[in-house]
Amino acid sequence: MMHTAVGWHVDLEFEEDSHRTRAAALVRLPDGAEVRAHGYASRHPSDKEQPRVGEEIAGARALNELAMKMLTKAHDEIDEASGRTSHPLT
């Protein structure tokens, strides 16, 4: 039996200003499909500037949304292939 190694690369990009961080996540799948998601973090005016923390929060939120979109995509593909409604994947 032959095993095939498959790899996915997830790109995360950040945009920051003095009070807000935006993260954009993108995964390109072997079938050519792309799934995108975004996450945000806001700094309270009384908090110290810590860009890394904003990136971690915004990045985690983008990855969380990306994960949910991937689960939905897989769920839809199961339904399409089986011709019936499956149980939601969580």
PDB file of N, CA and C in Angstrom:
ATOM      1  N   MET A   1       0.847  -1.165   0.000  1.00  0.00           N
ATOM      2  CA  MET A   1       0.000   0.000   0.000  1.00  0.00           C
ATOM      3  C   MET A   1       0.902   1.242   0.000  1.00  0.00           C
ATOM      4  N   MET A   2       0.565   2.197  -0.862  1.00  0.00           N
ATOM      5  CA  MET A   2       1.357   3.415  -0.976  1.00  0.00           C
ATOM      6  C   MET A   2       0.761   4.513  -0.107  1.00  0.00           C
ATOM      7  N   HIS A   3       1.609   5.224   0.620  1.00  0.00           N
ATOM      8  CA  HIS A   3       1.177   6.344   1.444  1.00  0.00           C
ATOM      9  C   HIS A   3       1.644   7.632   0.779  1.00  0.00           C
ATOM     10  N   THR A   4       0.752   8.594   0.748  1.00  0.00           N
ATOM     11  CA  THR A   4       1.089   9.881   0.156  1.00  0.00           C
ATOM     12  C   THR A   4       1.122  10.934   1.253  1.00  0.00           C
ATOM     13  N   ALA A   5       2.199  11.672   1.290  1.00  0.00           N
ATOM     14  CA  ALA A   5       2.307  12.762   2.261  1.00  0.00           C
ATOM     15  C   ALA A   5       1.674  14.007   1.658  1.00  0.00           C
ATOM     16  N   VAL A   6       0.805  14.629   2.414  1.00  0.00           N
ATOM     17  CA  VAL A   6       0.145  15.852   1.981  1.00  0.00           C
ATOM     18  C   VAL A   6       0.487  16.934   2.983  1.00  0.00           C
ATOM     19  N   GLY A   7       0.805  18.105   2.476  1.00  0.00           N
ATOM     20  CA  GLY A   7       1.109  19.220   3.368  1.00  0.00           C
ATOM     21  C   GLY A   7       0.260  20.425   3.009  1.00  0.00           C
ATOM     22  N   TRP A   8      -0.124  21.165   4.010  1.00  0.00           N
ATOM     23  CA  TRP A   8      -0.851  22.424   3.819  1.00  0.00           C
ATOM     24  C   TRP A   8       0.020  23.529   4.378  1.00  0.00           C
ATOM     25  N   HIS A   9       0.017  24.643   3.709  1.00  0.00           N
ATOM     26  CA  HIS A   9       0.722  25.815   4.206  1.00  0.00           C
ATOM     27  C   HIS A   9      -0.311  26.878   4.537  1.00  0.00           C
ATOM     28  N   VAL A  10      -0.253  27.371   5.751  1.00  0.00           N
ATOM     29  CA  VAL A  10      -1.155  28.426   6.192  1.00  0.00           C
ATOM     30  C   VAL A  10      -0.346  29.716   6.258  1.00  0.00           C
ATOM     31  N   ASP A  11      -0.842  30.732   5.580  1.00  0.00           N
ATOM     32  CA  ASP A  11      -0.207  32.046   5.620  1.00  0.00           C
ATOM     33  C   ASP A  11      -0.978  32.939   6.572  1.00  0.00           C
ATOM     34  N   LEU A  12      -0.253  33.661   7.411  1.00  0.00           N
ATOM     35  CA  LEU A  12      -0.847  34.662   8.301  1.00  0.00           C
ATOM     36  C   LEU A  12      -0.161  35.992   8.031  1.00  0.00           C
ATOM     37  N   GLU A  13      -0.953  37.010   7.793  1.00  0.00           N
ATOM     38  CA  GLU A  13      -0.415  38.352   7.600  1.00  0.00           C
ATOM     39  C   GLU A  13      -1.098  39.288   8.581  1.00  0.00           C
ATOM     40  N   PHE A  14      -0.358  40.286   9.034  1.00  0.00           N
ATOM     41  CA  PHE A  14      -0.873  41.207  10.043  1.00  0.00           C
ATOM     42  C   PHE A  14      -0.787  42.648   9.562  1.00  0.00           C
ATOM     43  N   GLU A  15      -1.779  43.422   9.947  1.00  0.00           N
ATOM     44  CA  GLU A  15      -1.770  44.872   9.772  1.00  0.00           C
ATOM     45  C   GLU A  15      -2.037  45.465  11.141  1.00  0.00           C
ATOM     46  N   GLU A  16      -1.230  46.447  11.508  1.00  0.00           N
ATOM     47  CA  GLU A  16      -1.359  47.015  12.847  1.00  0.00           C
ATOM     48  C   GLU A  16      -1.359  48.535  12.791  1.00  0.00           C
ATOM     49  N   ASP A  17      -2.128  49.136  13.682  1.00  0.00           N
ATOM     50  CA  ASP A  17      -1.971  50.551  13.966  1.00  0.00           C
ATOM     51  C   ASP A  17      -1.802  50.655  15.478  1.00  0.00           C
ATOM     52  N   SER A  18      -1.906  51.822  16.030  1.00  0.00           N
ATOM     53  CA  SER A  18      -1.603  51.967  17.452  1.00  0.00           C
ATOM     54  C   SER A  18      -2.639  51.329  18.372  1.00  0.00           C
ATOM     55  N   HIS A  19      -3.829  51.014  17.865  1.00  0.00           N
ATOM     56  CA  HIS A  19      -4.873  50.473  18.740  1.00  0.00           C
ATOM     57  C   HIS A  19      -5.484  49.152  18.250  1.00  0.00           C
ATOM     58  N   ARG A  20      -5.178  48.730  17.043  1.00  0.00           N
ATOM     59  CA  ARG A  20      -5.867  47.566  16.492  1.00  0.00           C
ATOM     60  C   ARG A  20      -4.917  46.727  15.646  1.00  0.00           C
ATOM     61  N   THR A  21      -5.103  45.410  15.724  1.00  0.00           N
ATOM     62  CA  THR A  21      -4.342  44.469  14.902  1.00  0.00           C
ATOM     63  C   THR A  21      -5.328  43.625  14.117  1.00  0.00           C
ATOM     64  N   ARG A  22      -5.061  43.467  12.829  1.00  0.00           N
ATOM     65  CA  ARG A  22      -5.900  42.649  11.955  1.00  0.00           C
ATOM     66  C   ARG A  22      -5.029  41.519  11.422  1.00  0.00           C
ATOM     67  N   ALA A  23      -5.539  40.297  11.485  1.00  0.00           N
ATOM     68  CA  ALA A  23      -4.836  39.135  10.945  1.00  0.00           C
ATOM     69  C   ALA A  23      -5.650  38.549   9.804  1.00  0.00           C
ATOM     70  N   ALA A  24      -4.972  38.165   8.746  1.00  0.00           N
ATOM     71  CA  ALA A  24      -5.599  37.480   7.614  1.00  0.00           C
ATOM     72  C   ALA A  24      -4.923  36.122   7.478  1.00  0.00           C
ATOM     73  N   ALA A  25      -5.737  35.069   7.469  1.00  0.00           N
ATOM     74  CA  ALA A  25      -5.233  33.703   7.344  1.00  0.00           C
ATOM     75  C   ALA A  25      -5.687  33.136   5.999  1.00  0.00           C
ATOM     76  N   LEU A  26      -4.813  32.381   5.382  1.00  0.00           N
ATOM     77  CA  LEU A  26      -5.114  31.765   4.094  1.00  0.00           C
ATOM     78  C   LEU A  26      -4.497  30.379   4.062  1.00  0.00           C
ATOM     79  N   VAL A  27      -5.284  29.385   3.652  1.00  0.00           N
ATOM     80  CA  VAL A  27      -4.755  28.044   3.418  1.00  0.00           C
ATOM     81  C   VAL A  27      -5.101  27.665   1.982  1.00  0.00           C
ATOM     82  N   ARG A  28      -4.107  27.136   1.282  1.00  0.00           N
ATOM     83  CA  ARG A  28      -4.310  26.634  -0.079  1.00  0.00           C
ATOM     84  C   ARG A  28      -4.325  25.114   0.001  1.00  0.00           C
ATOM     85  N   LEU A  29      -5.401  24.535  -0.483  1.00  0.00           N
ATOM     86  CA  LEU A  29      -5.574  23.085  -0.404  1.00  0.00           C
ATOM     87  C   LEU A  29      -5.079  22.415  -1.684  1.00  0.00           C
ATOM     88  N   PRO A  30      -4.749  21.135  -1.611  1.00  0.00           N
ATOM     89  CA  PRO A  30      -4.220  20.430  -2.784  1.00  0.00           C
ATOM     90  C   PRO A  30      -5.155  20.453  -4.001  1.00  0.00           C
ATOM     91  N   ASP A  31      -6.470  20.602  -3.775  1.00  0.00           N
ATOM     92  CA  ASP A  31      -7.407  20.645  -4.901  1.00  0.00           C
ATOM     93  C   ASP A  31      -7.497  22.037  -5.532  1.00  0.00           C
ATOM     94  N   GLY A  32      -6.679  22.972  -5.042  1.00  0.00           N
ATOM     95  CA  GLY A  32      -6.675  24.321  -5.580  1.00  0.00           C
ATOM     96  C   GLY A  32      -7.574  25.294  -4.839  1.00  0.00           C
ATOM     97  N   ALA A  33      -8.397  24.782  -3.956  1.00  0.00           N
ATOM     98  CA  ALA A  33      -9.297  25.646  -3.188  1.00  0.00           C
ATOM     99  C   ALA A  33      -8.487  26.481  -2.197  1.00  0.00           C
ATOM    100  N   GLU A  34      -8.965  27.689  -1.956  1.00  0.00           N
ATOM    101  CA  GLU A  34      -8.377  28.557  -0.940  1.00  0.00           C
ATOM    102  C   GLU A  34      -9.447  28.889   0.086  1.00  0.00           C
ATOM    103  N   VAL A  35      -9.071  28.849   1.347  1.00  0.00           N
ATOM    104  CA  VAL A  35      -9.982  29.220   2.429  1.00  0.00           C
ATOM    105  C   VAL A  35      -9.318  30.376   3.170  1.00  0.00           C
ATOM    106  N   ARG A  36     -10.093  31.437   3.361  1.00  0.00           N
ATOM    107  CA  ARG A  36      -9.571  32.656   4.001  1.00  0.00           C
ATOM    108  C   ARG A  36     -10.382  32.980   5.250  1.00  0.00           C
ATOM    109  N   ALA A  37      -9.726  33.603   6.211  1.00  0.00           N
ATOM    110  CA  ALA A  37     -10.402  34.024   7.441  1.00  0.00           C
ATOM    111  C   ALA A  37      -9.666  35.223   8.013  1.00  0.00           C
ATOM    112  N   HIS A  38     -10.345  35.931   8.906  1.00  0.00           N
ATOM    113  CA  HIS A  38      -9.769  37.129   9.514  1.00  0.00           C
ATOM    114  C   HIS A  38      -9.989  37.109  11.022  1.00  0.00           C
ATOM    115  N   GLY A  39      -9.115  37.788  11.723  1.00  0.00           N
ATOM    116  CA  GLY A  39      -9.246  37.962  13.161  1.00  0.00           C
ATOM    117  C   GLY A  39      -8.756  39.341  13.549  1.00  0.00           C
ATOM    118  N   TYR A  40      -9.278  39.850  14.639  1.00  0.00           N
ATOM    119  CA  TYR A  40      -8.955  41.201  15.082  1.00  0.00           C
ATOM    120  C   TYR A  40      -8.624  41.211  16.565  1.00  0.00           C
ATOM    121  N   ALA A  41      -7.826  42.183  16.945  1.00  0.00           N
ATOM    122  CA  ALA A  41      -7.551  42.441  18.356  1.00  0.00           C
ATOM    123  C   ALA A  41      -7.487  43.951  18.526  1.00  0.00           C
ATOM    124  N   SER A  42      -8.035  44.426  19.624  1.00  0.00           N
ATOM    125  CA  SER A  42      -8.002  45.857  19.928  1.00  0.00           C
ATOM    126  C   SER A  42      -7.298  46.065  21.253  1.00  0.00           C
ATOM    127  N   ARG A  43      -6.514  47.142  21.321  1.00  0.00           N
ATOM    128  CA  ARG A  43      -5.800  47.478  22.545  1.00  0.00           C
ATOM    129  C   ARG A  43      -6.561  48.574  23.265  1.00  0.00           C
ATOM    130  N   HIS A  44      -6.805  48.340  24.531  1.00  0.00           N
ATOM    131  CA  HIS A  44      -7.433  49.376  25.354  1.00  0.00           C
ATOM    132  C   HIS A  44      -6.447  50.523  25.510  1.00  0.00           C
ATOM    133  N   PRO A  45      -6.907  51.776  25.467  1.00  0.00           N
ATOM    134  CA  PRO A  45      -5.983  52.912  25.566  1.00  0.00           C
ATOM    135  C   PRO A  45      -5.085  52.902  26.809  1.00  0.00           C
ATOM    136  N   SER A  46      -5.528  52.282  27.890  1.00  0.00           N
ATOM    137  CA  SER A  46      -4.707  52.254  29.105  1.00  0.00           C
ATOM    138  C   SER A  46      -3.669  51.124  29.099  1.00  0.00           C
ATOM    139  N   ASP A  47      -3.749  50.204  28.128  1.00  0.00           N
ATOM    140  CA  ASP A  47      -2.784  49.106  28.042  1.00  0.00           C
ATOM    141  C   ASP A  47      -1.497  49.570  27.367  1.00  0.00           C
ATOM    142  N   LYS A  48      -0.385  48.937  27.747  1.00  0.00           N
ATOM    143  CA  LYS A  48       0.895  49.194  27.094  1.00  0.00           C
ATOM    144  C   LYS A  48       0.838  48.685  25.654  1.00  0.00           C
ATOM    145  N   GLU A  49       1.645  49.287  24.788  1.00  0.00           N
ATOM    146  CA  GLU A  49       1.757  48.768  23.426  1.00  0.00           C
ATOM    147  C   GLU A  49       2.564  47.478  23.455  1.00  0.00           C
ATOM    148  N   GLN A  50       1.960  46.403  23.018  1.00  0.00           N
ATOM    149  CA  GLN A  50       2.616  45.108  22.921  1.00  0.00           C
ATOM    150  C   GLN A  50       2.184  44.473  21.599  1.00  0.00           C
ATOM    151  N   PRO A  51       2.812  44.857  20.505  1.00  0.00           N
ATOM    152  CA  PRO A  51       2.383  44.374  19.194  1.00  0.00           C
ATOM    153  C   PRO A  51       2.311  42.858  19.092  1.00  0.00           C
ATOM    154  N   ARG A  52       3.243  42.161  19.723  1.00  0.00           N
ATOM    155  CA  ARG A  52       3.246  40.689  19.653  1.00  0.00           C
ATOM    156  C   ARG A  52       1.974  40.107  20.246  1.00  0.00           C
ATOM    157  N   VAL A  53       1.498  40.679  21.338  1.00  0.00           N
ATOM    158  CA  VAL A  53       0.275  40.174  21.976  1.00  0.00           C
ATOM    159  C   VAL A  53      -0.917  40.391  21.051  1.00  0.00           C
ATOM    160  N   GLY A  54      -0.990  41.567  20.427  1.00  0.00           N
ATOM    161  CA  GLY A  54      -2.065  41.818  19.475  1.00  0.00           C
ATOM    162  C   GLY A  54      -2.034  40.837  18.315  1.00  0.00           C
ATOM    163  N   GLU A  55      -0.818  40.531  17.835  1.00  0.00           N
ATOM    164  CA  GLU A  55      -0.686  39.550  16.754  1.00  0.00           C
ATOM    165  C   GLU A  55      -1.139  38.171  17.203  1.00  0.00           C
ATOM    166  N   GLU A  56      -0.780  37.782  18.420  1.00  0.00           N
ATOM    167  CA  GLU A  56      -1.173  36.459  18.921  1.00  0.00           C
ATOM    168  C   GLU A  56      -2.695  36.344  19.022  1.00  0.00           C
ATOM    169  N   ILE A  57      -3.328  37.376  19.543  1.00  0.00           N
ATOM    170  CA  ILE A  57      -4.786  37.329  19.701  1.00  0.00           C
ATOM    171  C   ILE A  57      -5.471  37.358  18.341  1.00  0.00           C
ATOM    172  N   ALA A  58      -5.094  38.308  17.487  1.00  0.00           N
ATOM    173  CA  ALA A  58      -5.716  38.402  16.165  1.00  0.00           C
ATOM    174  C   ALA A  58      -5.427  37.143  15.351  1.00  0.00           C
ATOM    175  N   GLY A  59      -4.191  36.628  15.434  1.00  0.00           N
ATOM    176  CA  GLY A  59      -3.830  35.414  14.712  1.00  0.00           C
ATOM    177  C   GLY A  59      -4.618  34.204  15.193  1.00  0.00           C
ATOM    178  N   ALA A  60      -4.774  34.072  16.493  1.00  0.00           N
ATOM    179  CA  ALA A  60      -5.547  32.947  17.044  1.00  0.00           C
ATOM    180  C   ALA A  60      -7.007  33.033  16.600  1.00  0.00           C
ATOM    181  N   ARG A  61      -7.556  34.224  16.590  1.00  0.00           N
ATOM    182  CA  ARG A  61      -8.944  34.391  16.150  1.00  0.00           C
ATOM    183  C   ARG A  61      -9.096  34.076  14.665  1.00  0.00           C
ATOM    184  N   ALA A  62      -8.127  34.475  13.857  1.00  0.00           N
ATOM    185  CA  ALA A  62      -8.178  34.148  12.429  1.00  0.00           C
ATOM    186  C   ALA A  62      -8.064  32.643  12.215  1.00  0.00           C
ATOM    187  N   LEU A  63      -7.163  31.995  12.938  1.00  0.00           N
ATOM    188  CA  LEU A  63      -7.010  30.548  12.810  1.00  0.00           C
ATOM    189  C   LEU A  63      -8.247  29.807  13.297  1.00  0.00           C
ATOM    190  N   ASN A  64      -8.892  30.314  14.346  1.00  0.00           N
ATOM    191  CA  ASN A  64     -10.119  29.707  14.834  1.00  0.00           C
ATOM    192  C   ASN A  64     -11.211  29.793  13.763  1.00  0.00           C
ATOM    193  N   GLU A  65     -11.349  30.968  13.143  1.00  0.00           N
ATOM    194  CA  GLU A  65     -12.340  31.105  12.078  1.00  0.00           C
ATOM    195  C   GLU A  65     -11.994  30.204  10.896  1.00  0.00           C
ATOM    196  N   LEU A  66     -10.701  30.107  10.571  1.00  0.00           N
ATOM    197  CA  LEU A  66     -10.260  29.236   9.488  1.00  0.00           C
ATOM    198  C   LEU A  66     -10.624  27.784   9.786  1.00  0.00           C
ATOM    199  N   ALA A  67     -10.412  27.361  11.015  1.00  0.00           N
ATOM    200  CA  ALA A  67     -10.758  25.991  11.409  1.00  0.00           C
ATOM    201  C   ALA A  67     -12.256  25.732  11.240  1.00  0.00           C
ATOM    202  N   MET A  68     -13.086  26.681  11.640  1.00  0.00           N
ATOM    203  CA  MET A  68     -14.534  26.506  11.513  1.00  0.00           C
ATOM    204  C   MET A  68     -14.948  26.449  10.038  1.00  0.00           C
ATOM    205  N   LYS A  69     -14.322  27.263   9.204  1.00  0.00           N
ATOM    206  CA  LYS A  69     -14.621  27.222   7.775  1.00  0.00           C
ATOM    207  C   LYS A  69     -14.195  25.889   7.155  1.00  0.00           C
ATOM    208  N   MET A  70     -13.058  25.348   7.614  1.00  0.00           N
ATOM    209  CA  MET A  70     -12.602  24.053   7.112  1.00  0.00           C
ATOM    210  C   MET A  70     -13.564  22.939   7.522  1.00  0.00           C
ATOM    211  N   LEU A  71     -14.054  22.995   8.764  1.00  0.00           N
ATOM    212  CA  LEU A  71     -15.039  22.005   9.212  1.00  0.00           C
ATOM    213  C   LEU A  71     -16.317  22.098   8.389  1.00  0.00           C
ATOM    214  N   THR A  72     -16.766  23.304   8.110  1.00  0.00           N
ATOM    215  CA  THR A  72     -17.973  23.490   7.299  1.00  0.00           C
ATOM    216  C   THR A  72     -17.754  22.957   5.892  1.00  0.00           C
ATOM    217  N   LYS A  73     -16.584  23.237   5.314  1.00  0.00           N
ATOM    218  CA  LYS A  73     -16.267  22.739   3.976  1.00  0.00           C
ATOM    219  C   LYS A  73     -16.289  21.211   3.954  1.00  0.00           C
ATOM    220  N   ALA A  74     -15.665  20.592   4.930  1.00  0.00           N
ATOM    221  CA  ALA A  74     -15.643  19.128   4.994  1.00  0.00           C
ATOM    222  C   ALA A  74     -17.055  18.575   5.169  1.00  0.00           C
ATOM    223  N   HIS A  75     -17.845  19.209   6.020  1.00  0.00           N
ATOM    224  CA  HIS A  75     -19.223  18.790   6.257  1.00  0.00           C
ATOM    225  C   HIS A  75     -20.029  18.856   4.961  1.00  0.00           C
ATOM    226  N   ASP A  76     -19.880  19.948   4.221  1.00  0.00           N
ATOM    227  CA  ASP A  76     -20.596  20.092   2.948  1.00  0.00           C
ATOM    228  C   ASP A  76     -20.161  19.038   1.942  1.00  0.00           C
ATOM    229  N   GLU A  77     -18.867  18.701   1.919  1.00  0.00           N
ATOM    230  CA  GLU A  77     -18.377  17.673   0.998  1.00  0.00           C
ATOM    231  C   GLU A  77     -18.902  16.292   1.369  1.00  0.00           C
ATOM    232  N   ILE A  78     -19.031  16.016   2.658  1.00  0.00           N
ATOM    233  CA  ILE A  78     -19.610  14.737   3.104  1.00  0.00           C
ATOM    234  C   ILE A  78     -21.058  14.647   2.635  1.00  0.00           C
ATOM    235  N   ASP A  79     -21.813  15.734   2.843  1.00  0.00           N
ATOM    236  CA  ASP A  79     -23.220  15.751   2.421  1.00  0.00           C
ATOM    237  C   ASP A  79     -23.348  15.545   0.916  1.00  0.00           C
ATOM    238  N   GLU A  80     -22.503  16.232   0.155  1.00  0.00           N
ATOM    239  CA  GLU A  80     -22.571  16.125  -1.299  1.00  0.00           C
ATOM    240  C   GLU A  80     -22.240  14.716  -1.778  1.00  0.00           C
ATOM    241  N   ALA A  81     -21.219  14.117  -1.201  1.00  0.00           N
ATOM    242  CA  ALA A  81     -20.792  12.776  -1.618  1.00  0.00           C
ATOM    243  C   ALA A  81     -21.782  11.700  -1.203  1.00  0.00           C
ATOM    244  N   SER A  82     -22.424  11.882  -0.057  1.00  0.00           N
ATOM    245  CA  SER A  82     -23.327  10.849   0.453  1.00  0.00           C
ATOM    246  C   SER A  82     -24.770  11.044   0.006  1.00  0.00           C
ATOM    247  N   GLY A  83     -25.107  12.257  -0.424  1.00  0.00           N
ATOM    248  CA  GLY A  83     -26.474  12.526  -0.834  1.00  0.00           C
ATOM    249  C   GLY A  83     -27.447  12.628   0.319  1.00  0.00           C
ATOM    250  N   ARG A  84     -26.940  12.815   1.496  1.00  0.00           N
ATOM    251  CA  ARG A  84     -27.811  12.961   2.669  1.00  0.00           C
ATOM    252  C   ARG A  84     -27.224  14.017   3.587  1.00  0.00           C
ATOM    253  N   THR A  85     -28.007  14.408   4.584  1.00  0.00           N
ATOM    254  CA  THR A  85     -27.538  15.394   5.548  1.00  0.00           C
ATOM    255  C   THR A  85     -26.814  14.681   6.677  1.00  0.00           C
ATOM    256  N   SER A  86     -25.589  15.080   6.915  1.00  0.00           N
ATOM    257  CA  SER A  86     -24.794  14.457   7.981  1.00  0.00           C
ATOM    258  C   SER A  86     -24.863  15.315   9.235  1.00  0.00           C
ATOM    259  N   HIS A  87     -24.323  14.778  10.294  1.00  0.00           N
ATOM    260  CA  HIS A  87     -24.257  15.516  11.552  1.00  0.00           C
ATOM    261  C   HIS A  87     -23.157  16.551  11.475  1.00  0.00           C
ATOM    262  N   PRO A  88     -23.394  17.739  11.989  1.00  0.00           N
ATOM    263  CA  PRO A  88     -22.351  18.788  11.930  1.00  0.00           C
ATOM    264  C   PRO A  88     -21.065  18.312  12.603  1.00  0.00           C
ATOM    265  N   LEU A  89     -19.957  18.698  12.016  1.00  0.00           N
ATOM    266  CA  LEU A  89     -18.643  18.399  12.594  1.00  0.00           C
ATOM    267  C   LEU A  89     -18.263  19.535  13.511  1.00  0.00           C
ATOM    268  N   THR A  90     -17.840  19.218  14.712  1.00  0.00           N
ATOM    269  CA  THR A  90     -17.413  20.257  15.656  1.00  0.00           C
ATOM    270  C   THR A  90     -16.118  19.873  16.290  1.00  0.00           C
TER     271      THR A  90
END
